[in-house]
PDB file of all heavy atoms in Angstrom:
ATOM      1  N   GLY A   1     222.629 119.409 273.329  1.00  0.00           N
ATOM      2  CA  GLY A   1     221.262 119.190 273.973  1.00  0.00           C
ATOM      3  C   GLY A   1     220.357 118.248 273.053  1.00  0.00           C
ATOM      4  O   GLY A   1     219.363 117.733 273.577  1.00  0.00           O
ATOM      5  N   ALA A   2     220.677 118.192 271.856  1.00  0.00           N
ATOM      6  CA  ALA A   2     219.909 117.312 270.879  1.00  0.00           C
ATOM      7  C   ALA A   2     220.471 115.851 270.964  1.00  0.00           C
ATOM      8  O   ALA A   2     221.229 115.492 271.881  1.00  0.00           O
ATOM      9  CB  ALA A   2     220.016 117.856 269.516  1.00  0.00           C
ATOM     10  N   GLU A   3     220.113 115.130 270.025  1.00  0.00           N
ATOM     11  CA  GLU A   3     220.522 113.741 270.017  1.00  0.00           C
ATOM     12  C   GLU A   3     221.916 113.578 269.475  1.00  0.00           C
ATOM     13  O   GLU A   3     222.317 114.230 268.492  1.00  0.00           O
ATOM     14  CB  GLU A   3     219.531 112.939 269.063  1.00  0.00           C
ATOM     15  CG  GLU A   3     219.729 111.480 269.085  1.00  0.00           C
ATOM     16  CD  GLU A   3     218.699 110.726 268.225  1.00  0.00           C
ATOM     17  OE1 GLU A   3     218.541 111.069 267.034  1.00  0.00           O
ATOM     18  OE2 GLU A   3     217.948 109.919 268.816  1.00  0.00           O
ATOM     19  N   VAL A   4     222.769 112.756 270.148  1.00  0.00           N
ATOM     20  CA  VAL A   4     224.047 112.357 269.637  1.00  0.00           C
ATOM     21  C   VAL A   4     224.139 110.875 269.347  1.00  0.00           C
ATOM     22  O   VAL A   4     223.397 110.082 270.042  1.00  0.00           O
ATOM     23  CB  VAL A   4     225.118 112.777 270.730  1.00  0.00           C
ATOM     24  CG1 VAL A   4     224.982 111.940 271.970  1.00  0.00           C
ATOM     25  CG2 VAL A   4     226.543 112.586 270.089  1.00  0.00           C
ATOM     26  N   VAL A   5     224.816 110.472 268.307  1.00  0.00           N
ATOM     27  CA  VAL A   5     224.932 109.112 267.926  1.00  0.00           C
ATOM     28  C   VAL A   5     226.357 108.618 268.168  1.00  0.00           C
ATOM     29  O   VAL A   5     227.310 109.237 267.706  1.00  0.00           O
ATOM     30  CB  VAL A   5     224.592 108.837 266.437  1.00  0.00           C
ATOM     31  CG1 VAL A   5     224.690 107.392 266.053  1.00  0.00           C
ATOM     32  CG2 VAL A   5     223.217 109.469 266.102  1.00  0.00           C
ATOM     33  N   VAL A   6     226.506 107.529 268.963  1.00  0.00           N
ATOM     34  CA  VAL A   6     227.822 106.973 269.304  1.00  0.00           C
ATOM     35  C   VAL A   6     227.848 105.500 269.154  1.00  0.00           C
ATOM     36  O   VAL A   6     226.826 104.860 269.319  1.00  0.00           O
ATOM     37  CB  VAL A   6     228.200 107.387 270.739  1.00  0.00           C
ATOM     38  CG1 VAL A   6     228.465 108.928 270.894  1.00  0.00           C
ATOM     39  CG2 VAL A   6     227.278 106.842 271.777  1.00  0.00           C
ATOM     40  N   PRO A   7     229.024 104.965 268.817  1.00  0.00           N
ATOM     41  CA  PRO A   7     229.171 103.498 268.679  1.00  0.00           C
ATOM     42  C   PRO A   7     229.296 102.830 270.063  1.00  0.00           C
ATOM     43  O   PRO A   7     230.009 103.340 270.894  1.00  0.00           O
ATOM     44  CB  PRO A   7     230.381 103.342 267.865  1.00  0.00           C
ATOM     45  CG  PRO A   7     231.223 104.515 268.186  1.00  0.00           C
ATOM     46  CD  PRO A   7     230.270 105.617 268.430  1.00  0.00           C
ATOM     47  N   VAL A   8     228.613 101.751 270.202  1.00  0.00           N
ATOM     48  CA  VAL A   8     228.665 100.984 271.430  1.00  0.00           C
ATOM     49  C   VAL A   8     228.758  99.477 271.151  1.00  0.00           C
ATOM     50  O   VAL A   8     228.491  99.034 270.063  1.00  0.00           O
ATOM     51  CB  VAL A   8     227.589 101.183 272.392  1.00  0.00           C
ATOM     52  CG1 VAL A   8     227.463 102.648 272.888  1.00  0.00           C
ATOM     53  CG2 VAL A   8     226.205 100.867 271.802  1.00  0.00           C
ATOM     54  N   VAL A   9     229.117  98.670 272.108  1.00  0.00           N
ATOM     55  CA  VAL A   9     229.134  97.235 272.094  1.00  0.00           C
ATOM     56  C   VAL A   9     227.839  96.837 272.731  1.00  0.00           C
ATOM     57  O   VAL A   9     227.687  96.991 274.026  1.00  0.00           O
ATOM     58  CB  VAL A   9     230.382  96.577 272.746  1.00  0.00           C
ATOM     59  CG1 VAL A   9     230.246  95.011 272.765  1.00  0.00           C
ATOM     60  CG2 VAL A   9     231.604  97.037 272.122  1.00  0.00           C
ATOM     61  N   PRO A  10     226.787  96.346 272.013  1.00  0.00           N
ATOM     62  CA  PRO A  10     225.511  95.978 272.613  1.00  0.00           C
ATOM     63  C   PRO A  10     225.641  94.837 273.619  1.00  0.00           C
ATOM     64  O   PRO A  10     226.594  94.001 273.489  1.00  0.00           O
ATOM     65  CB  PRO A  10     224.666  95.536 271.524  1.00  0.00           C
ATOM     66  CG  PRO A  10     225.418  95.875 270.193  1.00  0.00           C
ATOM     67  CD  PRO A  10     226.818  96.117 270.557  1.00  0.00           C
ATOM     68  N   ALA A  11     224.816  94.896 274.675  1.00  0.00           N
ATOM     69  CA  ALA A  11     224.832  93.804 275.649  1.00  0.00           C
ATOM     70  C   ALA A  11     223.326  93.501 275.965  1.00  0.00           C
ATOM     71  O   ALA A  11     222.434  94.333 275.974  1.00  0.00           O
ATOM     72  CB  ALA A  11     225.519  94.292 276.921  1.00  0.00           C
ATOM     73  N   ALA A  12     223.058  92.193 276.263  1.00  0.00           N
ATOM     74  CA  ALA A  12     221.680  91.788 276.467  1.00  0.00           C
ATOM     75  C   ALA A  12     221.315  92.167 277.876  1.00  0.00           C
ATOM     76  O   ALA A  12     222.129  92.205 278.862  1.00  0.00           O
ATOM     77  CB  ALA A  12     221.578  90.275 276.337  1.00  0.00           C
ATOM     78  N   GLY A  13     220.028  92.538 278.118  1.00  0.00           N
ATOM     79  CA  GLY A  13     219.539  92.799 279.357  1.00  0.00           C
ATOM     80  C   GLY A  13     219.819  94.223 279.967  1.00  0.00           C
ATOM     81  O   GLY A  13     219.690  94.389 281.238  1.00  0.00           O
ATOM     82  N   VAL A  14     220.248  95.058 279.181  1.00  0.00           N
ATOM     83  CA  VAL A  14     220.510  96.412 279.610  1.00  0.00           C
ATOM     84  C   VAL A  14     219.231  97.244 279.405  1.00  0.00           C
ATOM     85  O   VAL A  14     218.712  97.333 278.374  1.00  0.00           O
ATOM     86  CB  VAL A  14     221.749  97.093 278.892  1.00  0.00           C
ATOM     87  CG1 VAL A  14     221.868  98.503 279.256  1.00  0.00           C
ATOM     88  CG2 VAL A  14     222.954  96.267 279.037  1.00  0.00           C
ATOM     89  N   ALA A  15     218.826  97.902 280.552  1.00  0.00           N
ATOM     90  CA  ALA A  15     217.575  98.722 280.551  1.00  0.00           C
ATOM     91  C   ALA A  15     218.010 100.087 280.067  1.00  0.00           C
ATOM     92  O   ALA A  15     218.924 100.688 280.610  1.00  0.00           O
ATOM     93  CB  ALA A  15     216.936  98.735 281.899  1.00  0.00           C
ATOM     94  N   LEU A  16     217.310 100.643 279.048  1.00  0.00           N
ATOM     95  CA  LEU A  16     217.646 101.933 278.474  1.00  0.00           C
ATOM     96  C   LEU A  16     216.626 102.943 278.918  1.00  0.00           C
ATOM     97  O   LEU A  16     215.378 102.606 278.894  1.00  0.00           O
ATOM     98  CB  LEU A  16     217.738 101.896 276.958  1.00  0.00           C
ATOM     99  CG  LEU A  16     218.774 100.971 276.390  1.00  0.00           C
ATOM    100  CD1 LEU A  16     218.629 100.951 274.864  1.00  0.00           C
ATOM    101  CD2 LEU A  16     220.136 101.384 276.747  1.00  0.00           C
ATOM    102  N   PRO A  17     216.971 104.156 279.264  1.00  0.00           N
ATOM    103  CA  PRO A  17     215.941 105.202 279.638  1.00  0.00           C
ATOM    104  C   PRO A  17     215.205 105.527 278.310  1.00  0.00           C
ATOM    105  O   PRO A  17     215.545 105.229 277.201  1.00  0.00           O
ATOM    106  CB  PRO A  17     216.804 106.360 280.059  1.00  0.00           C
ATOM    107  CG  PRO A  17     218.309 105.921 280.127  1.00  0.00           C
ATOM    108  CD  PRO A  17     218.312 104.591 279.465  1.00  0.00           C
ATOM    109  N   GLU A  18     214.135 106.299 278.532  1.00  0.00           N
ATOM    110  CA  GLU A  18     213.272 106.701 277.357  1.00  0.00           C
ATOM    111  C   GLU A  18     213.983 107.557 276.373  1.00  0.00           C
ATOM    112  O   GLU A  18     213.665 107.563 275.234  1.00  0.00           O
ATOM    113  CB  GLU A  18     212.002 107.434 277.933  1.00  0.00           C
ATOM    114  CG  GLU A  18     211.002 106.600 278.461  1.00  0.00           C
ATOM    115  CD  GLU A  18     209.688 107.385 278.771  1.00  0.00           C
ATOM    116  OE1 GLU A  18     209.488 108.473 278.224  1.00  0.00           O
ATOM    117  OE2 GLU A  18     208.950 106.952 279.679  1.00  0.00           O
ATOM    118  N   SER A  19     214.953 108.304 276.811  1.00  0.00           N
ATOM    119  CA  SER A  19     215.703 109.321 275.899  1.00  0.00           C
ATOM    120  C   SER A  19     216.793 108.570 275.178  1.00  0.00           C
ATOM    121  O   SER A  19     217.540 109.267 274.466  1.00  0.00           O
ATOM    122  CB  SER A  19     216.210 110.427 276.758  1.00  0.00           C
ATOM    123  OG  SER A  19     217.225 109.919 277.637  1.00  0.00           O
ATOM    124  N   VAL A  20     216.895 107.346 275.297  1.00  0.00           N
ATOM    125  CA  VAL A  20     217.949 106.587 274.613  1.00  0.00           C
ATOM    126  C   VAL A  20     217.391 105.374 273.831  1.00  0.00           C
ATOM    127  O   VAL A  20     216.533 104.691 274.292  1.00  0.00           O
ATOM    128  CB  VAL A  20     218.936 105.998 275.740  1.00  0.00           C
ATOM    129  CG1 VAL A  20     220.032 105.161 275.077  1.00  0.00           C
ATOM    130  CG2 VAL A  20     219.563 107.126 276.542  1.00  0.00           C
ATOM    131  N   ARG A  21     217.941 105.119 272.646  1.00  0.00           N
ATOM    132  CA  ARG A  21     217.607 103.991 271.906  1.00  0.00           C
ATOM    133  C   ARG A  21     218.868 103.396 271.304  1.00  0.00           C
ATOM    134  O   ARG A  21     219.846 104.043 270.934  1.00  0.00           O
ATOM    135  CB  ARG A  21     216.477 104.303 270.790  1.00  0.00           C
ATOM    136  CG  ARG A  21     217.024 105.025 269.598  1.00  0.00           C
ATOM    137  CD  ARG A  21     215.801 105.302 268.647  1.00  0.00           C
ATOM    138  NE  ARG A  21     216.236 105.692 267.356  1.00  0.00           N
ATOM    139  CZ  ARG A  21     216.618 106.959 267.034  1.00  0.00           C
ATOM    140  NH1 ARG A  21     216.527 107.864 267.939  1.00  0.00           N
ATOM    141  NH2 ARG A  21     217.047 107.221 265.812  1.00  0.00           N
ATOM    142  N   LEU A  22     218.772 102.057 271.025  1.00  0.00           N
ATOM    143  CA  LEU A  22     219.921 101.318 270.575  1.00  0.00           C
ATOM    144  C   LEU A  22     219.497 100.694 269.258  1.00  0.00           C
ATOM    145  O   LEU A  22     218.497  99.979 269.188  1.00  0.00           O
ATOM    146  CB  LEU A  22     220.386 100.295 271.577  1.00  0.00           C
ATOM    147  CG  LEU A  22     221.608  99.423 271.166  1.00  0.00           C
ATOM    148  CD1 LEU A  22     222.825 100.272 271.064  1.00  0.00           C
ATOM    149  CD2 LEU A  22     221.833  98.378 272.207  1.00  0.00           C
ATOM    150  N   GLU A  23     220.251 101.000 268.119  1.00  0.00           N
ATOM    151  CA  GLU A  23     219.922 100.393 266.874  1.00  0.00           C
ATOM    152  C   GLU A  23     221.284  99.748 266.359  1.00  0.00           C
ATOM    153  O   GLU A  23     222.126 100.437 265.979  1.00  0.00           O
ATOM    154  CB  GLU A  23     219.467 101.511 265.821  1.00  0.00           C
ATOM    155  CG  GLU A  23     218.116 101.979 266.153  1.00  0.00           C
ATOM    156  CD  GLU A  23     217.646 103.033 265.131  1.00  0.00           C
ATOM    157  OE1 GLU A  23     218.280 103.183 264.078  1.00  0.00           O
ATOM    158  OE2 GLU A  23     216.603 103.640 265.385  1.00  0.00           O
ATOM    159  N   GLY A  24     221.288  98.473 266.380  1.00  0.00           N
ATOM    160  CA  GLY A  24     222.543  97.775 266.017  1.00  0.00           C
ATOM    161  C   GLY A  24     223.646  98.078 266.999  1.00  0.00           C
ATOM    162  O   GLY A  24     223.530  97.812 268.236  1.00  0.00           O
ATOM    163  N   THR A  25     224.706  98.749 266.497  1.00  0.00           N
ATOM    164  CA  THR A  25     225.798  99.137 267.404  1.00  0.00           C
ATOM    165  C   THR A  25     225.849 100.618 267.635  1.00  0.00           C
ATOM    166  O   THR A  25     226.868 101.155 268.169  1.00  0.00           O
ATOM    167  CB  THR A  25     227.190  98.668 266.794  1.00  0.00           C
ATOM    168  OG1 THR A  25     227.301  99.298 265.523  1.00  0.00           O
ATOM    169  CG2 THR A  25     227.218  97.188 266.676  1.00  0.00           C
TER     170      THR A  25
END
């Protein structure tokens, strides 16, 4: 239920919901 950190491949133009943030990968 808390925050989880996972690796992703960032992409330009992706809208993120308020409960999500992207820092680097």
